[in-house]
C-alpha cells in the first residue's frame, strides 16, 4: 500500500478539482491509499467518494492542529500534497514524514488543471482525460427526471447578496417569469429551478405562485441532491460555482455566467461541453442565454 496524504481544507468546489488529481493517482498507482484532510464545509461530502480511502476532519484551532500533527506523525506517507495551498496545511505537513512533499506554489500556471498535470508529472504519472469524470461515488438519485434544463438561481443572481463590484444581473419578477416561459417555449423541455442554502425572495415568490407543470422549484437541497439533478439534466444554466464542476465532470452542456473582472479560465480550462456569457443587464443576458439553448 502506497499512502498519499492530500490537504483540501476549503470548500466542495475546490475538492472537485482535487478529485481529478485523486482519480489520476488511482489510475496510475493501483496500490494508492488516499487520505484527505478536509474542512467542516466538505468533510461529509468527501466521505461519499469511493476513490477516497480515508477522510480526516481538520479542526481549525491551536489544539486541533497539534492533535492532528501527532496523529499524522504515526504514519509514513509516500507523498504529501498540499493542494489547498493553505499556510496552515503547509505548516502541518512540515512535521510529517514522506518520501515527497508537493506544494502547488512550486508550479507556475494559469489554470488549476495544468497544476494537476504538473503534480502528476512530479509523481512520474500520466494524465488521462478519463480522470475528468470524477463521480466514482454514490450518486443520490432521489430526484430523477428526464429531458429537462436546470437553472440554478442562487444568491449570485441578487446584487445585494453577492459581490457588489460585479455587474448587476438581478431580474424583476416579471422578467424572470418571462425568461422561464421562453426557455420552455424554445426547448420544449421541463425546467427545474434549484437554489442555494438561502433562496432569494424572488425564488420563493415564483415558487409560491407557480402553476406551470413544466416548471419545478426545489429548495433545501443537500449538495448531493443538487448534484443528482445536474447529472441528470440536459443543460445547466448557472453563475459559476461548485455545481459548474459537477456539470463539467459529467460532460453536461452548461451556460456559465461569469464576470469580466475575474479570470475564471483558471477554474474552467478543463471544462467540456462548455459555454459562457458575461454578466450583463438581465434583459440582454437572458436573450444571450436563449440563443445558446
Protein backbone atom coordinates (compact mmCIF):
# COMPACT_ATOMS: atom_id res chain seq x y z
CA UNK A 1 0.00 0.00 0.00
CA UNK A 2 1.30 3.42 -1.01
CA UNK A 3 -0.05 6.12 1.29
CA UNK A 4 -0.92 9.56 -0.04
CA UNK A 5 -1.97 12.47 2.16
CA UNK A 6 -3.78 15.35 0.49
CA UNK A 7 -4.85 18.61 2.13
CA UNK A 8 -8.17 20.10 0.99
CA UNK A 9 -9.31 22.23 3.93
CA UNK A 10 -11.59 24.55 1.96
CA UNK A 11 -14.86 24.05 0.05
CA UNK A 12 -16.71 21.45 -2.04
CA UNK A 13 -15.93 23.12 -5.38
CA UNK A 14 -12.21 23.15 -4.54
CA UNK A 15 -12.32 19.47 -3.67
CA UNK A 16 -13.94 18.63 -7.01
CA UNK A 17 -10.70 19.79 -8.63
CA UNK A 18 -8.69 17.59 -6.28
CA UNK A 19 -10.94 14.66 -7.22
CA UNK A 20 -9.46 14.84 -10.74
CA UNK A 21 -5.99 14.53 -9.21
CA UNK A 22 -7.09 11.65 -6.96
CA UNK A 23 -8.67 9.89 -9.93
CA UNK A 24 -5.40 10.20 -11.83
CA UNK A 25 -3.32 8.90 -8.92
CA UNK A 26 -5.59 5.86 -8.58
CA UNK A 27 -5.33 5.16 -12.30
CA UNK A 28 -1.52 5.30 -12.17
CA UNK A 29 -0.95 3.58 -8.83
CA UNK A 30 -3.15 0.56 -8.08
CA UNK A 31 -1.72 0.43 -4.54
CA UNK A 32 -2.58 4.04 -3.73
CA UNK A 33 -4.32 4.70 -0.42
CA UNK A 34 -5.66 8.27 -0.34
CA UNK A 35 -6.29 10.19 2.89
CA UNK A 36 -7.84 13.66 2.69
CA UNK A 37 -7.57 16.33 5.38
CA UNK A 38 -10.93 18.06 4.98
CA UNK A 39 -12.75 21.08 6.37
CA UNK A 40 -16.18 21.22 8.01
CA UNK A 41 -17.53 22.50 4.68
CA UNK A 42 -16.50 19.47 2.61
CA UNK A 43 -15.90 16.63 5.12
CA UNK A 44 -19.31 14.94 4.86
CA UNK A 45 -19.35 15.35 1.08
CA UNK A 46 -15.90 13.81 0.56
CA UNK A 47 -16.83 10.74 2.60
CA UNK A 48 -19.11 9.58 -0.25
CA UNK A 49 -16.29 9.28 -2.77
CA UNK A 50 -15.15 5.72 -3.41
CA UNK A 51 -11.78 6.93 -4.70
CA UNK A 52 -11.03 8.40 -1.25
CA UNK A 53 -9.94 5.80 1.33
CA UNK A 54 -9.97 7.94 4.45
CA UNK A 55 -11.12 11.44 5.44
CA UNK A 56 -9.89 13.34 8.49
CA UNK A 57 -11.64 16.46 9.76
CA UNK A 58 -9.36 19.47 10.21
CA UNK A 59 -10.26 21.41 13.37
CA UNK A 60 -9.11 24.98 12.87
CA UNK A 61 -7.80 25.80 16.34
CA UNK A 62 -4.42 25.51 18.09
CA UNK A 63 -5.14 22.29 19.96
CA UNK A 64 -6.82 20.77 16.92
CA UNK A 65 -3.71 21.38 14.83
CA UNK A 66 -1.37 19.96 17.47
CA UNK A 67 -3.53 16.86 17.90
CA UNK A 68 -3.66 16.37 14.13
CA UNK A 69 0.13 16.63 13.80
CA UNK A 70 0.72 13.98 16.48
CA UNK A 71 -1.89 11.71 14.90
CA UNK A 72 -0.43 12.02 11.40
CA UNK A 73 3.18 11.64 12.60
CA UNK A 74 2.45 7.98 13.29
CA UNK A 75 2.31 7.32 9.55
CA UNK A 76 4.96 7.47 6.86
CA UNK A 77 3.50 8.69 3.58
CA UNK A 78 4.80 8.10 0.11
CA UNK A 79 3.56 11.52 -0.98
CA UNK A 80 2.02 14.52 0.76
CA UNK A 81 0.24 17.02 -1.49
CA UNK A 82 -0.84 20.40 -0.10
CA UNK A 83 -3.49 21.03 -2.74
CA UNK A 84 -5.39 23.70 -0.82
CA UNK A 85 -2.29 25.93 -0.70
CA UNK A 86 -3.14 27.00 2.87
CA UNK A 87 -0.31 28.09 5.17
CA UNK A 88 -1.85 26.00 7.97
CA UNK A 89 -1.64 22.90 5.76
CA UNK A 90 1.95 23.67 4.80
CA UNK A 91 2.86 24.06 8.48
CA UNK A 92 1.29 20.75 9.48
CA UNK A 93 2.96 18.95 6.57
CA UNK A 94 6.36 20.27 7.74
CA UNK A 95 6.21 17.95 10.77
CA UNK A 96 5.19 14.84 8.83
CA UNK A 97 7.22 12.07 7.22
CA UNK A 98 7.00 11.49 3.48
CA UNK A 99 9.21 10.48 0.58
CA UNK A 100 7.98 13.52 -1.30
CA UNK A 101 6.09 16.68 -0.34
CA UNK A 102 4.42 18.70 -3.07
CA UNK A 103 3.23 22.30 -2.76
CA UNK A 104 1.30 23.89 -5.60
CA UNK A 105 3.24 27.14 -5.12
CA UNK A 106 6.13 25.22 -6.72
CA UNK A 107 4.32 25.43 -10.06
CA UNK A 108 3.64 28.41 -12.29
CA UNK A 109 0.40 28.06 -14.22
CA UNK A 110 -2.68 29.99 -15.33
CA UNK A 111 -5.08 27.10 -14.69
CA UNK A 112 -5.72 24.53 -11.98
CA UNK A 113 -5.84 21.65 -14.45
CA UNK A 114 -2.32 22.49 -15.58
CA UNK A 115 -1.19 22.46 -11.94
CA UNK A 116 -2.73 19.00 -11.56
CA UNK A 117 -0.84 17.81 -14.64
CA UNK A 118 2.40 19.21 -13.19
CA UNK A 119 1.79 17.46 -9.86
CA UNK A 120 1.28 14.20 -11.74
CA UNK A 121 4.48 14.76 -13.69
CA UNK A 122 6.36 15.24 -10.43
CA UNK A 123 4.91 11.91 -9.30
CA UNK A 124 6.04 10.34 -12.61
CA UNK A 125 2.40 9.72 -13.52
CA UNK A 126 0.46 10.32 -16.73
CA UNK A 127 -2.72 12.32 -17.12
CA UNK A 128 -5.70 10.69 -18.86
CA UNK A 129 -8.79 12.64 -19.96
CA UNK A 130 -10.89 9.89 -18.37
CA UNK A 131 -9.84 11.28 -14.98
CA UNK A 132 -12.15 14.25 -15.56
CA UNK A 133 -15.16 12.04 -14.77
CA UNK A 134 -14.75 12.13 -11.02
CA UNK A 135 -18.03 10.56 -9.92
CA UNK A 136 -16.95 7.13 -8.83
CA UNK A 137 -19.14 7.66 -5.78
CA UNK A 138 -22.63 7.05 -4.52
CA UNK A 139 -24.99 9.16 -6.63
CA UNK A 140 -28.07 10.29 -4.76
CA UNK A 141 -30.94 9.56 -7.15
CA UNK A 142 -33.91 10.77 -5.09
CA UNK A 143 -34.53 13.44 -7.72
CA UNK A 144 -34.62 11.60 -11.04
CA UNK A 145 -36.08 13.34 -14.06
CA UNK A 146 -35.52 13.20 -17.80
CA UNK A 147 -35.44 15.73 -20.61
CA UNK A 148 -35.06 18.88 -18.53
CA UNK A 149 -32.97 22.02 -18.22
CA UNK A 150 -31.66 23.11 -14.83
CA UNK A 151 -31.47 26.77 -13.86
CA UNK A 152 -29.57 27.24 -10.62
CA UNK A 153 -30.86 30.50 -9.18
CA UNK A 154 -28.95 31.36 -6.02
CA UNK A 155 -27.62 34.47 -4.25
CA UNK A 156 -25.20 35.17 -7.12
CA UNK A 157 -28.15 36.50 -9.15
CA UNK A 158 -29.07 39.03 -6.43
CA UNK A 159 -26.95 42.17 -6.45
CA UNK A 160 -27.10 42.99 -2.72
CA UNK A 161 -26.38 39.38 -1.75
CA UNK A 162 -23.27 38.93 -3.88
CA UNK A 163 -20.07 40.73 -4.85
CA UNK A 164 -21.09 44.36 -5.33
CA UNK A 165 -18.35 45.17 -7.83
CA UNK A 166 -19.74 42.53 -10.18
CA UNK A 167 -22.24 43.59 -12.85
CA UNK A 168 -25.84 43.62 -11.60
CA UNK A 169 -27.85 40.82 -13.30
CA UNK A 170 -30.81 40.79 -10.92
CA UNK A 171 -34.15 40.37 -12.74
CA UNK A 172 -37.58 41.64 -11.78
CA UNK A 173 -40.24 39.02 -11.09
CA UNK A 174 -41.89 39.61 -14.47
CA UNK A 175 -38.55 39.48 -16.32
CA UNK A 176 -37.63 36.19 -14.69
CA UNK A 177 -41.04 34.65 -15.30
CA UNK A 178 -40.96 35.65 -18.99
CA UNK A 179 -37.47 34.18 -19.25
CA UNK A 180 -38.55 30.85 -17.73
CA UNK A 181 -41.52 30.59 -20.09
CA UNK A 182 -39.30 31.47 -23.07
CA UNK A 183 -36.92 28.62 -22.20
CA UNK A 184 -39.81 26.13 -22.18
CA UNK A 185 -41.25 27.51 -25.42
CA UNK A 186 -37.93 27.31 -27.24
CA UNK A 187 -36.71 23.94 -25.98
CA UNK A 188 -39.95 22.05 -25.28
CA UNK A 189 -38.31 20.68 -22.13
CA UNK A 190 -39.19 20.81 -18.47
CA UNK A 191 -37.37 23.42 -16.40
CA UNK A 192 -36.08 22.65 -12.91
CA UNK A 193 -35.16 25.67 -10.79
CA UNK A 194 -32.77 24.98 -7.91
CA UNK A 195 -31.29 27.39 -5.40
CA UNK A 196 -28.72 27.78 -2.63
CA UNK A 197 -28.98 27.43 1.14
CA UNK A 198 -30.91 30.71 1.46
CA UNK A 199 -33.29 31.11 -1.50
CA UNK A 200 -33.67 34.65 -2.90
CA UNK A 201 -37.07 36.20 -2.20
CA UNK A 202 -37.93 36.21 -5.90
CA UNK A 203 -37.36 32.43 -5.97
CA UNK A 204 -39.89 31.93 -3.17
CA UNK A 205 -42.37 34.35 -4.78
CA UNK A 206 -42.33 32.46 -8.08
CA UNK A 207 -42.40 29.08 -6.37
CA UNK A 208 -45.48 30.02 -4.34
CA UNK A 209 -47.35 31.37 -7.37
CA UNK A 210 -46.21 28.79 -9.93
CA UNK A 211 -49.00 26.92 -11.76
CA UNK A 212 -46.94 25.68 -14.69
CA UNK A 213 -46.39 21.90 -14.53
CA UNK A 214 -43.33 22.26 -16.75
CA UNK A 215 -41.57 24.44 -14.15
CA UNK A 216 -40.46 22.74 -10.93
CA UNK A 217 -38.85 24.53 -7.98
CA UNK A 218 -36.58 22.80 -5.45
CA UNK A 219 -35.06 24.29 -2.32
CA UNK A 220 -33.45 22.98 0.88
CA UNK A 221 -31.42 20.51 -1.15
CA UNK A 222 -28.26 18.87 0.09
CA UNK A 223 -25.37 19.31 -2.33
CA UNK A 224 -25.66 15.61 -3.15
CA UNK A 225 -29.27 16.04 -4.26
CA UNK A 226 -28.39 19.19 -6.20
CA UNK A 227 -25.60 17.21 -7.81
CA UNK A 228 -28.01 14.42 -8.77
CA UNK A 229 -30.29 16.89 -10.56
CA UNK A 230 -27.35 18.36 -12.50
CA UNK A 231 -26.02 14.95 -13.53
CA UNK A 232 -29.42 14.02 -14.98
CA UNK A 233 -30.02 17.35 -16.75
CA UNK A 234 -29.63 18.19 -20.43
CA UNK A 235 -28.26 21.66 -19.74
CA UNK A 236 -27.16 23.66 -16.71
CA UNK A 237 -27.57 27.44 -16.55
CA UNK A 238 -25.84 28.95 -13.53
CA UNK A 239 -23.50 31.55 -12.15
CA UNK A 240 -20.11 29.86 -11.81
CA UNK A 241 -19.72 27.74 -8.68
CA UNK A 242 -19.27 24.20 -7.37
CA UNK A 243 -22.22 22.98 -9.43
CA UNK A 244 -20.35 24.06 -12.59
CA UNK A 245 -17.69 21.44 -11.82
CA UNK A 246 -20.37 18.75 -11.49
CA UNK A 247 -21.70 19.51 -14.98
CA UNK A 248 -18.17 19.56 -16.39
CA UNK A 249 -17.30 16.20 -14.83
CA UNK A 250 -20.29 14.50 -16.50
CA UNK A 251 -19.92 16.42 -19.78
CA UNK A 252 -23.29 18.12 -19.30
CA UNK A 253 -23.87 21.13 -21.53
CA UNK A 254 -23.62 24.27 -19.46
CA UNK A 255 -24.03 28.01 -19.88
CA UNK A 256 -21.83 29.62 -17.26
CA UNK A 257 -22.49 33.21 -16.18
CA UNK A 258 -19.24 34.96 -15.24
CA UNK A 259 -17.98 38.47 -14.56
CA UNK A 260 -15.39 40.11 -16.83
CA UNK A 261 -13.38 41.28 -13.82
CA UNK A 262 -12.38 37.76 -12.74
CA UNK A 263 -10.18 35.23 -14.54
CA UNK A 264 -12.47 32.18 -14.50
CA UNK A 265 -10.42 30.27 -17.06
CA UNK A 266 -8.08 29.08 -14.32
CA UNK A 267 -11.04 27.12 -12.88
CA UNK A 268 -12.74 26.09 -16.14
CA UNK A 269 -9.88 25.38 -18.54
CA UNK A 270 -10.70 21.65 -18.43
CA UNK A 271 -14.48 22.03 -18.79
CA UNK A 272 -16.14 20.14 -21.64
CA UNK A 273 -19.38 20.99 -23.45
CA UNK A 274 -18.92 24.47 -22.04
CA UNK A 275 -20.21 27.90 -22.99
CA UNK A 276 -20.21 31.13 -21.03
CA UNK A 277 -21.63 34.63 -21.11
CA UNK A 278 -20.61 37.72 -19.20
CA UNK A 279 -22.79 39.23 -16.51
CA UNK A 280 -24.94 41.94 -18.04
CA UNK A 281 -28.28 43.65 -17.64
CA UNK A 282 -30.80 40.81 -17.32
CA UNK A 283 -32.80 41.74 -20.44
CA UNK A 284 -29.61 41.46 -22.52
CA UNK A 285 -28.19 38.45 -20.76
CA UNK A 286 -31.42 36.43 -20.95
CA UNK A 287 -31.52 36.87 -24.73
CA UNK A 288 -27.91 35.65 -24.98
CA UNK A 289 -28.81 32.55 -22.96
CA UNK A 290 -31.84 31.78 -25.11
CA UNK A 291 -29.72 31.97 -28.28
CA UNK A 292 -27.37 29.33 -26.85
CA UNK A 293 -30.09 26.85 -25.98
